[in-house]
N, C-alpha and C. Protein backbone atom coordinates (compact mmCIF):
# COMPACT_ATOMS: atom_id res chain seq x y z
N UNK A 1 45.54 -22.90 19.76
CA UNK A 1 46.39 -24.04 18.87
C UNK A 1 47.01 -23.44 17.64
N UNK A 2 45.91 -22.77 16.98
CA UNK A 2 46.17 -22.15 15.70
C UNK A 2 47.37 -20.90 15.78
N UNK A 3 47.37 -20.37 16.98
CA UNK A 3 48.31 -19.18 17.27
C UNK A 3 49.62 -20.07 17.48
N UNK A 4 49.73 -20.96 18.09
CA UNK A 4 50.99 -21.61 18.54
C UNK A 4 51.57 -22.37 17.00
N UNK A 5 50.87 -23.03 16.32
CA UNK A 5 51.17 -23.39 15.19
C UNK A 5 51.65 -22.49 13.84
N UNK A 6 51.29 -21.20 14.07
CA UNK A 6 51.48 -20.23 13.23
C UNK A 6 53.10 -19.91 12.98
N UNK A 7 53.51 -19.79 11.98
CA UNK A 7 54.86 -19.63 11.52
C UNK A 7 55.25 -18.44 11.79
N UNK A 8 56.22 -18.14 12.75
CA UNK A 8 56.70 -16.70 13.23
C UNK A 8 57.85 -16.39 12.51
N UNK A 9 57.58 -15.05 11.87
CA UNK A 9 58.92 -14.71 10.90
C UNK A 9 59.81 -14.15 11.65
N UNK A 10 61.30 -14.71 11.22
CA UNK A 10 62.16 -14.18 12.02
C UNK A 10 62.75 -12.93 11.55
N UNK A 11 62.90 -11.93 12.61
CA UNK A 11 63.39 -10.36 12.51
C UNK A 11 64.69 -10.28 11.55
N UNK A 12 65.62 -11.19 11.63
CA UNK A 12 66.78 -10.91 10.94
C UNK A 12 66.80 -11.58 9.54
N UNK A 13 65.64 -12.10 9.22
CA UNK A 13 65.37 -12.55 7.73
C UNK A 13 64.31 -11.62 6.88
N UNK A 14 63.98 -10.47 7.67
CA UNK A 14 63.02 -9.49 7.13
C UNK A 14 63.79 -8.51 6.34
N UNK A 15 63.24 -7.98 5.19
CA UNK A 15 63.65 -6.79 4.54
C UNK A 15 63.82 -5.83 5.35
N UNK A 16 64.80 -4.74 5.24
CA UNK A 16 64.51 -3.53 6.05
C UNK A 16 63.34 -2.62 5.63
N UNK A 17 62.84 -2.79 4.56
CA UNK A 17 61.71 -1.95 4.39
C UNK A 17 60.55 -2.61 5.38
N UNK A 18 60.61 -3.88 5.22
CA UNK A 18 59.32 -4.34 6.04
C UNK A 18 59.33 -4.18 7.56
N UNK A 19 60.55 -3.81 7.96
CA UNK A 19 60.94 -3.87 9.43
C UNK A 19 60.50 -2.12 9.64
N UNK A 20 61.00 -1.31 8.94
CA UNK A 20 60.90 0.04 8.96
C UNK A 20 59.66 0.96 8.52
N UNK A 21 58.97 0.40 7.53
CA UNK A 21 58.05 0.90 7.01
C UNK A 21 56.56 0.72 8.11
N UNK A 22 55.90 1.91 7.92
CA UNK A 22 54.47 1.85 8.81
C UNK A 22 53.40 0.82 8.27
N UNK A 23 53.58 0.35 7.13
CA UNK A 23 52.86 -0.78 6.55
C UNK A 23 53.47 -2.09 6.05
N UNK A 24 54.77 -2.24 6.53
CA UNK A 24 55.61 -3.32 6.45
C UNK A 24 55.01 -4.47 7.09
N UNK A 25 55.57 -5.59 6.60
CA UNK A 25 55.33 -6.99 7.29
C UNK A 25 55.64 -6.91 9.01
N UNK A 26 56.63 -6.34 9.49
CA UNK A 26 56.80 -6.21 10.96
C UNK A 26 55.78 -5.54 11.84
N UNK A 27 55.39 -4.43 10.88
CA UNK A 27 54.09 -3.36 11.64
C UNK A 27 52.91 -4.40 11.54
N UNK A 28 52.46 -5.11 10.42
CA UNK A 28 51.54 -5.71 10.44
C UNK A 28 51.49 -7.02 11.74
N UNK A 29 52.49 -7.92 11.43
CA UNK A 29 52.53 -8.82 12.58
C UNK A 29 52.41 -8.19 13.79
N UNK A 30 52.85 -7.02 14.13
CA UNK A 30 52.82 -6.47 15.65
C UNK A 30 51.27 -6.12 15.89
N UNK A 31 50.52 -5.60 14.83
CA UNK A 31 49.27 -5.07 14.84
C UNK A 31 48.42 -6.41 15.09
N UNK A 32 48.64 -7.56 14.40
CA UNK A 32 48.06 -8.85 14.63
C UNK A 32 48.23 -9.29 15.99
N UNK A 33 49.29 -9.19 16.58
CA UNK A 33 49.45 -9.72 17.86
C UNK A 33 48.81 -8.90 18.88
N UNK A 34 48.66 -7.78 18.69
CA UNK A 34 47.95 -6.73 19.65
C UNK A 34 46.37 -7.03 19.72
N UNK A 35 46.08 -7.37 18.23
CA UNK A 35 44.52 -7.72 18.35
C UNK A 35 44.34 -8.83 19.26
N UNK A 36 45.16 -9.79 18.81
CA UNK A 36 44.99 -11.07 19.66
C UNK A 36 45.06 -10.85 20.99
N UNK A 37 46.11 -10.05 21.47
CA UNK A 37 46.18 -10.04 23.07
C UNK A 37 44.97 -9.28 23.36
N UNK A 38 44.23 -8.40 22.91
CA UNK A 38 42.79 -7.75 23.24
C UNK A 38 41.59 -8.98 23.43
N UNK A 39 41.72 -9.82 22.22
CA UNK A 39 40.96 -10.88 22.00
C UNK A 39 40.88 -11.80 23.22
N UNK A 40 42.27 -12.05 23.83
CA UNK A 40 42.24 -13.12 24.92
C UNK A 40 41.59 -13.00 26.21
N UNK A 41 41.16 -12.13 26.77
CA UNK A 41 40.48 -11.79 28.03
C UNK A 41 39.06 -12.20 27.67
N UNK A 42 38.65 -11.65 26.52
CA UNK A 42 37.16 -12.02 26.33
C UNK A 42 37.03 -13.67 26.28
N UNK A 43 37.99 -14.34 25.45
CA UNK A 43 38.17 -15.60 25.15
C UNK A 43 38.08 -16.31 26.56
N UNK A 44 39.10 -15.84 27.39
CA UNK A 44 39.05 -16.54 28.82
C UNK A 44 37.83 -16.37 29.69
N UNK A 45 37.19 -15.36 29.44
CA UNK A 45 36.01 -15.03 30.11
C UNK A 45 34.92 -16.11 29.64
N UNK A 46 34.97 -16.16 28.11
CA UNK A 46 34.02 -17.30 27.60
C UNK A 46 34.24 -18.54 28.17
N UNK A 47 35.40 -19.08 28.33
CA UNK A 47 36.04 -20.13 28.66
C UNK A 47 35.36 -20.64 30.23
N UNK A 48 35.60 -19.47 31.04
CA UNK A 48 35.24 -19.64 32.33
C UNK A 48 33.68 -19.93 32.60
N UNK A 49 33.06 -19.29 31.61
CA UNK A 49 31.70 -19.59 31.92
C UNK A 49 31.36 -20.92 31.57
N UNK A 50 31.83 -21.60 30.79
CA UNK A 50 31.97 -22.93 30.18
C UNK A 50 32.62 -23.93 31.23
N UNK A 51 33.02 -23.25 32.14
CA UNK A 51 33.80 -24.07 33.07
C UNK A 51 32.95 -24.99 33.81
N UNK A 52 32.01 -24.47 34.44
CA UNK A 52 31.05 -25.13 35.39
C UNK A 52 30.44 -26.14 34.81
N UNK A 53 29.99 -25.89 33.32
CA UNK A 53 29.20 -26.53 32.72
C UNK A 53 30.02 -27.92 32.38
N UNK A 54 31.18 -27.68 32.08
CA UNK A 54 31.99 -28.61 31.70
C UNK A 54 32.45 -29.65 32.60
N UNK A 55 32.55 -29.09 34.41
CA UNK A 55 32.66 -29.76 35.29
C UNK A 55 31.58 -30.83 35.50
N UNK A 56 30.44 -30.02 35.29
CA UNK A 56 29.13 -31.02 35.48
C UNK A 56 29.12 -31.99 34.66
N UNK A 57 29.56 -31.85 33.19
CA UNK A 57 29.68 -32.83 32.38
C UNK A 57 30.67 -33.70 32.69
N UNK A 58 31.77 -33.25 33.40
CA UNK A 58 32.79 -34.27 33.60
C UNK A 58 32.27 -35.09 35.06
N UNK A 59 31.50 -34.65 35.73
CA UNK A 59 31.03 -35.58 36.87
C UNK A 59 29.92 -36.32 36.20
N UNK A 60 29.12 -35.73 35.28
CA UNK A 60 27.77 -36.82 34.75
C UNK A 60 28.54 -37.73 33.87
N UNK A 61 29.55 -37.28 33.32
CA UNK A 61 29.87 -38.16 32.18
C UNK A 61 30.28 -39.99 32.62
N UNK A 62 30.85 -39.88 33.65
CA UNK A 62 31.18 -41.59 34.26
C UNK A 62 29.97 -42.17 34.61
N UNK A 63 28.92 -41.25 35.43
CA UNK A 63 27.49 -41.82 35.71
C UNK A 63 26.94 -42.12 34.24
N UNK A 64 27.01 -41.44 33.66
CA UNK A 64 26.41 -41.90 32.23
C UNK A 64 26.91 -43.13 31.66
N UNK A 65 28.33 -43.12 31.70
CA UNK A 65 29.05 -44.44 31.19
C UNK A 65 28.92 -45.34 31.82
N UNK A 66 28.73 -45.17 33.15
CA UNK A 66 28.25 -46.25 34.16
C UNK A 66 26.82 -46.78 33.68
N UNK A 67 25.96 -45.84 33.68
CA UNK A 67 24.64 -46.26 33.40
C UNK A 67 24.47 -47.15 31.98
N UNK A 68 25.30 -46.51 30.77
CA UNK A 68 25.30 -47.49 29.70
C UNK A 68 25.99 -48.38 29.68
N UNK A 69 27.19 -48.66 30.74
CA UNK A 69 27.60 -49.90 31.03
C UNK A 69 26.87 -51.06 31.50
N UNK A 70 25.94 -50.54 32.42
CA UNK A 70 24.80 -51.32 33.13
C UNK A 70 23.93 -51.81 32.05
N UNK A 71 23.50 -50.88 31.20
CA UNK A 71 22.61 -51.35 30.16
C UNK A 71 22.98 -52.17 29.39
N UNK A 72 24.26 -52.26 29.08
CA UNK A 72 24.75 -53.14 28.30
C UNK A 72 25.21 -54.38 28.71
N UNK A 73 25.45 -54.48 30.01
CA UNK A 73 25.34 -55.88 30.89
C UNK A 73 24.12 -56.24 30.68
N UNK A 74 23.16 -55.75 31.00
CA UNK A 74 21.59 -56.24 31.20
C UNK A 74 21.24 -56.76 29.80
N UNK A 75 21.54 -55.75 28.46
CA UNK A 75 21.27 -56.54 27.28
C UNK A 75 22.16 -57.68 26.96
N UNK A 76 23.48 -57.55 27.44
CA UNK A 76 24.06 -58.72 27.07
C UNK A 76 23.80 -60.15 27.97
N UNK A 77 23.15 -59.97 29.28
CA UNK A 77 22.39 -60.58 29.87
C UNK A 77 21.06 -61.47 29.14
N UNK A 78 20.49 -60.58 28.57
CA UNK A 78 19.17 -60.94 28.33
C UNK A 78 19.46 -61.69 26.69
N UNK A 79 20.60 -61.45 26.06
CA UNK A 79 20.83 -61.87 24.74
C UNK A 79 21.56 -63.14 25.08
N UNK A 80 22.22 -63.36 26.06
CA UNK A 80 22.90 -64.72 26.64
C UNK A 80 21.61 -65.68 27.21
N UNK A 81 20.52 -65.06 27.79
CA UNK A 81 19.17 -65.76 28.33
C UNK A 81 18.69 -66.40 26.85
N UNK A 82 18.40 -65.43 25.96
CA UNK A 82 17.78 -65.70 25.07
C UNK A 82 18.57 -66.90 23.94
N UNK A 83 20.08 -66.71 24.00
CA UNK A 83 20.56 -67.76 23.09
C UNK A 83 20.39 -69.07 23.86
N UNK A 84 20.50 -69.00 25.31
CA UNK A 84 20.09 -70.29 25.89
C UNK A 84 18.91 -70.89 25.53
N UNK A 85 17.78 -69.92 25.76
CA UNK A 85 16.44 -70.34 25.17
C UNK A 85 16.20 -70.98 23.93
N UNK A 86 17.26 -70.14 23.21
CA UNK A 86 17.12 -70.77 21.55
C UNK A 86 17.69 -71.91 21.39
N UNK A 87 18.79 -72.17 22.05
CA UNK A 87 19.32 -73.57 21.95
C UNK A 87 18.52 -74.81 22.56
N UNK A 88 17.68 -74.37 23.75
CA UNK A 88 16.64 -75.29 24.36
C UNK A 88 15.63 -75.43 23.45
N UNK A 89 14.99 -74.45 22.66
CA UNK A 89 14.13 -74.75 21.77
C UNK A 89 14.55 -75.35 20.59
N UNK A 90 15.86 -75.03 19.92
CA UNK A 90 16.10 -75.93 18.97
C UNK A 90 16.24 -77.18 19.17
N UNK A 91 16.77 -77.80 20.66
CA UNK A 91 17.06 -79.13 20.80
C UNK A 91 15.64 -79.81 20.92
N UNK A 92 14.52 -78.96 21.31
CA UNK A 92 13.32 -79.18 21.53
C UNK A 92 12.58 -79.75 20.24
N UNK A 93 13.03 -78.88 19.20
CA UNK A 93 12.24 -78.86 17.75
C UNK A 93 13.31 -79.98 17.30
N UNK A 94 14.37 -80.24 17.43
CA UNK A 94 15.10 -81.34 16.75
C UNK A 94 14.50 -83.00 17.57
N UNK A 95 14.46 -82.75 18.79
CA UNK A 95 13.72 -83.95 19.34
C UNK A 95 12.32 -84.05 18.52
N UNK A 96 11.64 -83.11 18.60
CA UNK A 96 10.15 -83.31 17.92
C UNK A 96 10.21 -83.71 16.73
N UNK A 97 11.17 -83.20 15.82
CA UNK A 97 11.30 -83.62 14.37
C UNK A 97 11.40 -85.38 14.75
N UNK A 98 12.76 -85.59 15.32
CA UNK A 98 12.87 -86.91 15.26
C UNK A 98 11.77 -87.79 15.64
N UNK A 99 10.91 -87.49 16.95
CA UNK A 99 9.81 -88.11 17.12
C UNK A 99 8.79 -88.22 16.14
N UNK A 100 8.83 -87.21 15.64
CA UNK A 100 7.51 -87.21 14.33
C UNK A 100 7.91 -88.08 13.29
N UNK A 101 9.31 -88.13 12.93
CA UNK A 101 9.65 -88.98 12.10
C UNK A 101 9.28 -90.27 12.31
N UNK A 102 9.95 -90.72 13.65
CA UNK A 102 9.72 -92.16 14.14
C UNK A 102 7.80 -92.50 14.04
N UNK A 103 7.27 -91.44 14.48
CA UNK A 103 5.85 -91.68 14.63
C UNK A 103 5.39 -92.00 13.13
N UNK A 104 5.60 -91.15 12.21
CA UNK A 104 5.38 -91.55 10.71
C UNK A 104 5.56 -92.78 10.20
N UNK A 105 6.83 -93.26 10.64
CA UNK A 105 7.22 -94.55 10.11
C UNK A 105 6.62 -95.74 10.86
N UNK A 106 6.27 -95.54 12.25
CA UNK A 106 5.47 -96.60 12.98
C UNK A 106 3.88 -96.54 12.39
N UNK A 107 3.43 -95.21 12.14
CA UNK A 107 1.94 -94.94 11.78
C UNK A 107 1.85 -95.84 10.17
N UNK A 108 3.18 -95.59 9.40
CA UNK A 108 3.03 -96.45 8.10
C UNK A 108 3.18 -97.76 8.25
N UNK A 109 4.03 -98.15 9.20
CA UNK A 109 4.22 -99.86 9.05
C UNK A 109 2.78 -100.62 10.04
N UNK A 110 2.10 -99.66 10.65
CA UNK A 110 0.67 -100.16 11.33
C UNK A 110 -0.24 -100.48 10.07
N UNK A 111 -0.13 -99.11 9.44
CA UNK A 111 -1.08 -99.18 8.35
C UNK A 111 -0.89 -100.36 7.49
N UNK A 112 0.50 -100.62 7.03
CA UNK A 112 0.75 -101.80 6.17
C UNK A 112 0.30 -103.23 6.69
N UNK A 113 0.33 -103.12 8.14
CA UNK A 113 0.15 -104.53 8.55
C UNK A 113 -1.34 -104.45 8.77
N UNK A 114 -2.11 -103.31 9.10
CA UNK A 114 -3.72 -103.42 8.78
C UNK A 114 -4.16 -103.76 7.33
N UNK A 115 -3.67 -103.27 6.49
CA UNK A 115 -3.62 -103.68 5.13
C UNK A 115 -3.56 -105.19 4.71
N UNK A 116 -2.33 -105.86 5.35
CA UNK A 116 -2.31 -107.04 4.94
C UNK A 116 -3.21 -107.98 5.89
N UNK A 117 -3.59 -107.46 7.05
CA UNK A 117 -4.90 -108.00 7.92
C UNK A 117 -6.13 -107.99 7.00
N UNK A 118 -6.42 -106.84 6.43
CA UNK A 118 -7.56 -106.67 6.11
C UNK A 118 -7.76 -107.67 4.75
N UNK A 119 -6.46 -107.82 3.98
CA UNK A 119 -6.23 -108.72 2.95
C UNK A 119 -6.63 -110.16 3.24
N UNK A 120 -5.72 -110.59 4.47
CA UNK A 120 -6.30 -112.13 5.36
C UNK A 120 -7.54 -112.26 5.76
N UNK A 121 -8.17 -111.02 6.06
CA UNK A 121 -9.44 -111.21 6.55
C UNK A 121 -10.36 -111.29 5.35
N UNK A 122 -10.11 -110.83 4.27
CA UNK A 122 -11.05 -110.98 3.06
C UNK A 122 -11.00 -112.31 2.28
N UNK A 123 -9.88 -112.92 2.24
CA UNK A 123 -9.35 -114.08 1.98
C UNK A 123 -10.28 -115.27 2.55
N UNK A 124 -9.93 -114.88 4.26
CA UNK A 124 -10.64 -115.82 5.11
C UNK A 124 -12.19 -115.82 4.75
N UNK A 125 -12.93 -114.55 4.56
CA UNK A 125 -14.21 -114.68 4.56
C UNK A 125 -14.84 -115.20 3.27
N UNK A 126 -13.80 -115.20 2.17
CA UNK A 126 -14.15 -115.88 0.88
C UNK A 126 -14.05 -117.32 0.95
N UNK A 127 -13.00 -117.81 1.69
CA UNK A 127 -12.87 -119.23 2.15
C UNK A 127 -14.15 -119.77 2.91
N UNK A 128 -14.47 -118.72 3.96
CA UNK A 128 -15.66 -119.14 4.59
C UNK A 128 -16.98 -119.25 3.90
N UNK A 129 -17.09 -118.52 3.03
CA UNK A 129 -18.36 -118.37 2.15
C UNK A 129 -18.26 -119.62 1.45
N UNK A 130 -17.22 -120.01 0.66
CA UNK A 130 -17.23 -121.22 0.17
C UNK A 130 -17.20 -122.39 0.50
N UNK A 131 -16.65 -122.41 2.01
CA UNK A 131 -16.86 -123.57 2.75
C UNK A 131 -18.28 -123.81 3.12
N UNK A 132 -18.82 -122.82 3.56
CA UNK A 132 -20.42 -122.79 3.75
C UNK A 132 -21.11 -123.31 2.61
N UNK A 133 -20.87 -122.68 1.53
CA UNK A 133 -21.60 -123.18 0.44
C UNK A 133 -21.30 -124.45 -0.31
N UNK A 134 -20.15 -125.11 0.43
CA UNK A 134 -19.75 -126.53 -0.16
C UNK A 134 -20.68 -127.28 1.07
N UNK A 135 -20.66 -126.77 2.23
CA UNK A 135 -21.33 -127.64 3.38
C UNK A 135 -22.92 -127.50 3.16
N UNK A 136 -23.43 -126.58 2.29
CA UNK A 136 -24.82 -126.44 2.31
C UNK A 136 -24.99 -127.47 0.99
N UNK A 137 -24.14 -127.39 0.19
CA UNK A 137 -24.64 -128.28 -1.08
C UNK A 137 -24.37 -129.73 -0.42
N UNK A 138 -23.14 -130.20 0.18
CA UNK A 138 -23.10 -131.29 0.87
C UNK A 138 -24.49 -131.97 1.86
N UNK A 139 -24.87 -130.94 2.51
CA UNK A 139 -26.21 -131.10 3.09
C UNK A 139 -27.36 -131.41 2.15
N UNK A 140 -27.42 -130.77 1.37
CA UNK A 140 -28.58 -131.03 0.25
C UNK A 140 -28.27 -132.27 -0.52
N UNK A 141 -27.17 -132.44 -0.90
CA UNK A 141 -26.65 -134.01 -1.27
C UNK A 141 -26.93 -135.01 -0.36
N UNK A 142 -26.64 -134.72 0.94
CA UNK A 142 -26.87 -136.04 1.85
C UNK A 142 -28.63 -136.11 2.13
N UNK A 143 -29.20 -134.89 2.05
CA UNK A 143 -30.72 -134.92 2.28
C UNK A 143 -31.36 -135.57 0.93
N UNK A 144 -30.81 -135.11 -0.14
CA UNK A 144 -31.20 -136.14 -1.20
C UNK A 144 -31.22 -137.66 -1.22
N UNK A 145 -29.92 -138.00 -0.91
CA UNK A 145 -29.52 -139.49 -0.87
C UNK A 145 -30.43 -140.06 0.45
N UNK A 146 -30.78 -139.43 1.57
CA UNK A 146 -31.57 -139.82 2.63
C UNK A 146 -32.81 -140.30 2.14
N UNK A 147 -33.33 -138.76 1.23
CA UNK A 147 -34.52 -139.31 0.80
C UNK A 147 -34.88 -140.26 -0.18
N UNK A 148 -33.76 -140.31 -1.04
CA UNK A 148 -33.86 -141.50 -1.85
C UNK A 148 -33.64 -142.68 -1.29
N UNK A 149 -32.97 -142.92 -0.52
CA UNK A 149 -32.77 -143.86 0.46
C UNK A 149 -34.03 -144.51 1.21
N UNK A 150 -34.87 -143.61 1.60
CA UNK A 150 -35.93 -143.80 2.00
C UNK A 150 -37.03 -144.33 0.96
N UNK A 151 -36.99 -143.56 -0.22
CA UNK A 151 -38.04 -143.98 -0.87
C UNK A 151 -37.65 -145.58 -1.56
N UNK A 152 -36.49 -145.96 -1.69
CA UNK A 152 -35.83 -147.08 -2.31
C UNK A 152 -36.24 -148.24 -1.25
N UNK A 153 -35.81 -148.00 0.06
CA UNK A 153 -36.53 -148.94 1.08
C UNK A 153 -37.82 -148.92 1.13
N UNK A 154 -38.65 -148.21 0.83
CA UNK A 154 -40.07 -148.35 0.89
C UNK A 154 -40.40 -148.96 -0.20
N UNK A 155 -39.77 -148.49 -1.47
CA UNK A 155 -40.18 -149.41 -2.58
C UNK A 155 -39.57 -151.17 -2.44
N UNK A 156 -38.62 -151.08 -1.83
CA UNK A 156 -37.93 -152.66 -1.62
C UNK A 156 -39.12 -153.33 -0.64
N UNK A 157 -39.48 -152.60 0.30
CA UNK A 157 -40.48 -153.32 1.22
C UNK A 157 -42.03 -153.35 0.50
N UNK A 158 -42.23 -152.60 -0.32
CA UNK A 158 -43.62 -152.58 -1.02
C UNK A 158 -43.48 -153.58 -2.04
N UNK A 159 -42.21 -153.97 -2.66
CA UNK A 159 -42.02 -154.87 -3.64
C UNK A 159 -42.19 -156.34 -2.99
N UNK A 160 -41.61 -156.28 -1.88
CA UNK A 160 -41.33 -157.51 -0.95
C UNK A 160 -42.52 -158.09 -0.45
N UNK A 161 -43.61 -157.23 -0.15
CA UNK A 161 -44.51 -157.32 0.33
C UNK A 161 -45.58 -157.88 -0.97
N UNK A 162 -45.35 -157.53 -1.98
CA UNK A 162 -46.36 -157.74 -3.33
C UNK A 162 -45.89 -159.32 -3.39
N UNK A 163 -44.42 -159.50 -3.35
CA UNK A 163 -43.80 -160.83 -3.71
C UNK A 163 -44.49 -161.72 -2.85
N UNK A 164 -44.44 -161.67 -1.35
CA UNK A 164 -44.88 -162.47 -0.38
C UNK A 164 -46.56 -162.48 -0.65
N UNK A 165 -47.48 -161.61 -0.82
CA UNK A 165 -48.86 -161.83 -1.20
C UNK A 165 -48.99 -162.93 -2.32
N UNK A 166 -48.18 -162.47 -3.68
CA UNK A 166 -48.18 -163.38 -4.74
C UNK A 166 -47.77 -164.54 -4.49
N UNK A 167 -46.75 -164.69 -3.65
CA UNK A 167 -46.41 -166.38 -3.41
C UNK A 167 -47.47 -166.93 -2.48
N UNK A 168 -47.90 -166.29 -1.44
CA UNK A 168 -49.04 -166.96 -0.62
C UNK A 168 -50.09 -167.16 -1.57
N UNK A 169 -50.58 -166.52 -2.36
CA UNK A 169 -51.76 -166.70 -3.38
C UNK A 169 -51.17 -168.16 -4.18
N UNK A 170 -50.18 -168.05 -4.65
CA UNK A 170 -49.91 -169.32 -5.36
C UNK A 170 -49.66 -170.56 -4.59
N UNK A 171 -49.03 -170.26 -3.39
CA UNK A 171 -48.89 -171.46 -2.24
C UNK A 171 -50.40 -172.05 -2.16
N UNK A 172 -51.59 -171.41 -2.08
CA UNK A 172 -53.07 -171.58 -1.43
C UNK A 172 -53.51 -172.66 -2.82
N UNK A 173 -53.07 -172.46 -4.05
CA UNK A 173 -53.70 -173.35 -5.10
C UNK A 173 -52.69 -174.15 -5.92
N UNK A 174 -51.56 -174.69 -4.80
CA UNK A 174 -50.28 -175.48 -5.07
C UNK A 174 -50.94 -176.60 -6.29
N UNK A 175 -52.37 -177.17 -5.63
CA UNK A 175 -52.56 -178.67 -6.42
C UNK A 175 -52.88 -178.32 -7.94
N UNK A 176 -53.43 -177.10 -7.99
CA UNK A 176 -53.84 -176.68 -9.49
C UNK A 176 -52.71 -175.73 -10.31
N UNK A 177 -51.21 -175.94 -9.84
CA UNK A 177 -50.20 -175.46 -10.49
C UNK A 177 -50.16 -175.75 -12.01
N UNK A 178 -49.81 -174.62 -12.80
CA UNK A 178 -49.65 -174.94 -14.23
C UNK A 178 -48.29 -175.03 -14.17
N UNK A 179 -47.56 -175.20 -15.30
CA UNK A 179 -46.17 -175.14 -15.60
C UNK A 179 -45.37 -174.02 -15.16
N UNK A 180 -46.05 -172.75 -15.55
CA UNK A 180 -45.37 -171.60 -14.99
C UNK A 180 -45.35 -171.45 -13.50
N UNK A 181 -46.40 -172.09 -12.74
CA UNK A 181 -46.53 -171.83 -11.58
C UNK A 181 -45.30 -172.60 -11.05
N UNK A 182 -45.43 -173.84 -11.60
CA UNK A 182 -44.02 -174.78 -10.91
C UNK A 182 -42.91 -174.07 -11.21
N UNK A 183 -42.47 -173.70 -12.31
CA UNK A 183 -41.32 -173.01 -12.39
C UNK A 183 -40.85 -171.89 -11.53
N UNK A 184 -42.18 -170.98 -11.15
CA UNK A 184 -41.91 -170.16 -10.27
C UNK A 184 -41.70 -170.61 -8.95
N UNK A 185 -42.43 -171.66 -8.40
CA UNK A 185 -41.97 -172.20 -7.20
C UNK A 185 -40.67 -172.57 -6.99
N UNK A 186 -40.20 -173.54 -8.25
CA UNK A 186 -38.85 -174.06 -8.14
C UNK A 186 -37.83 -173.01 -8.05
N UNK A 187 -37.98 -171.75 -9.01
CA UNK A 187 -37.02 -170.86 -8.88
C UNK A 187 -36.94 -170.08 -7.70
N UNK A 188 -38.10 -169.95 -7.07
CA UNK A 188 -38.32 -168.80 -5.63
C UNK A 188 -37.59 -169.75 -4.58
N UNK A 189 -38.11 -170.79 -4.62
CA UNK A 189 -37.42 -171.92 -3.45
C UNK A 189 -36.17 -172.11 -3.56
N UNK A 190 -35.60 -172.51 -4.97
CA UNK A 190 -33.97 -172.78 -5.14
C UNK A 190 -33.60 -171.68 -5.39
N UNK A 191 -33.89 -170.50 -5.42
CA UNK A 191 -33.17 -169.08 -5.55
C UNK A 191 -32.40 -169.08 -7.18
N UNK A 192 -33.20 -169.72 -7.95
CA UNK A 192 -32.62 -169.80 -9.57
C UNK A 192 -32.41 -168.76 -10.01
N UNK A 193 -31.76 -168.51 -11.23
CA UNK A 193 -31.43 -167.58 -12.29
C UNK A 193 -32.48 -167.79 -13.05
N UNK A 194 -32.75 -166.44 -13.68
CA UNK A 194 -33.74 -166.10 -14.92
C UNK A 194 -33.64 -167.17 -15.85
N UNK A 195 -32.42 -167.57 -16.21
CA UNK A 195 -32.06 -168.46 -17.40
C UNK A 195 -32.36 -169.80 -17.10
N UNK A 196 -32.19 -170.13 -15.74
CA UNK A 196 -32.35 -171.59 -15.04
C UNK A 196 -34.07 -171.71 -15.35
N UNK A 197 -34.57 -170.76 -14.84
CA UNK A 197 -36.07 -170.86 -14.57
C UNK A 197 -36.84 -171.07 -15.91
N UNK A 198 -36.36 -170.26 -17.04
CA UNK A 198 -36.62 -170.48 -18.39
C UNK A 198 -36.37 -171.55 -19.27
N UNK A 199 -35.74 -172.54 -18.82
CA UNK A 199 -35.09 -173.65 -19.32
C UNK A 199 -36.48 -174.63 -19.73
């Protein structure tokens, strides 16, 4: 290629001394061309030795290209599968995050409800304690009144028995009554007031 592209000198444009002298430009060009001609056979021989190797490379290259293409297709298939897997896991992750968020909200709501229930339970417990205390107090008061009523009833009975006994004694000696005993008889029989008896 370098020889083809080399600028060739036109003879009609050379100086006469470059053409006819033994060391002129014409002679130098001729010498260079002869040297190149001598080099051509060895170059051809070298190229021929490379020819078989080049043929092998030419035969192998499409197979290598095909193998590389197959590897590319295989990698592309794996990439696509991983892409689908990535999308799948992302969707699962989004769903899991959404479910987790909903679960947290539900958990917080349940905790809030439980807190309200505990407050209600505590209030009811306090009310129950207060009611029980009031009931116990009322029971004690009732017991006290029952006991007082029994004592008063017993006292009334004792007093009535004493009155009846005294009245019986007074009746036995009615013929010997003094003025006070007569007043007692009148007051007791007629159920007079104290002021009436003392007149």
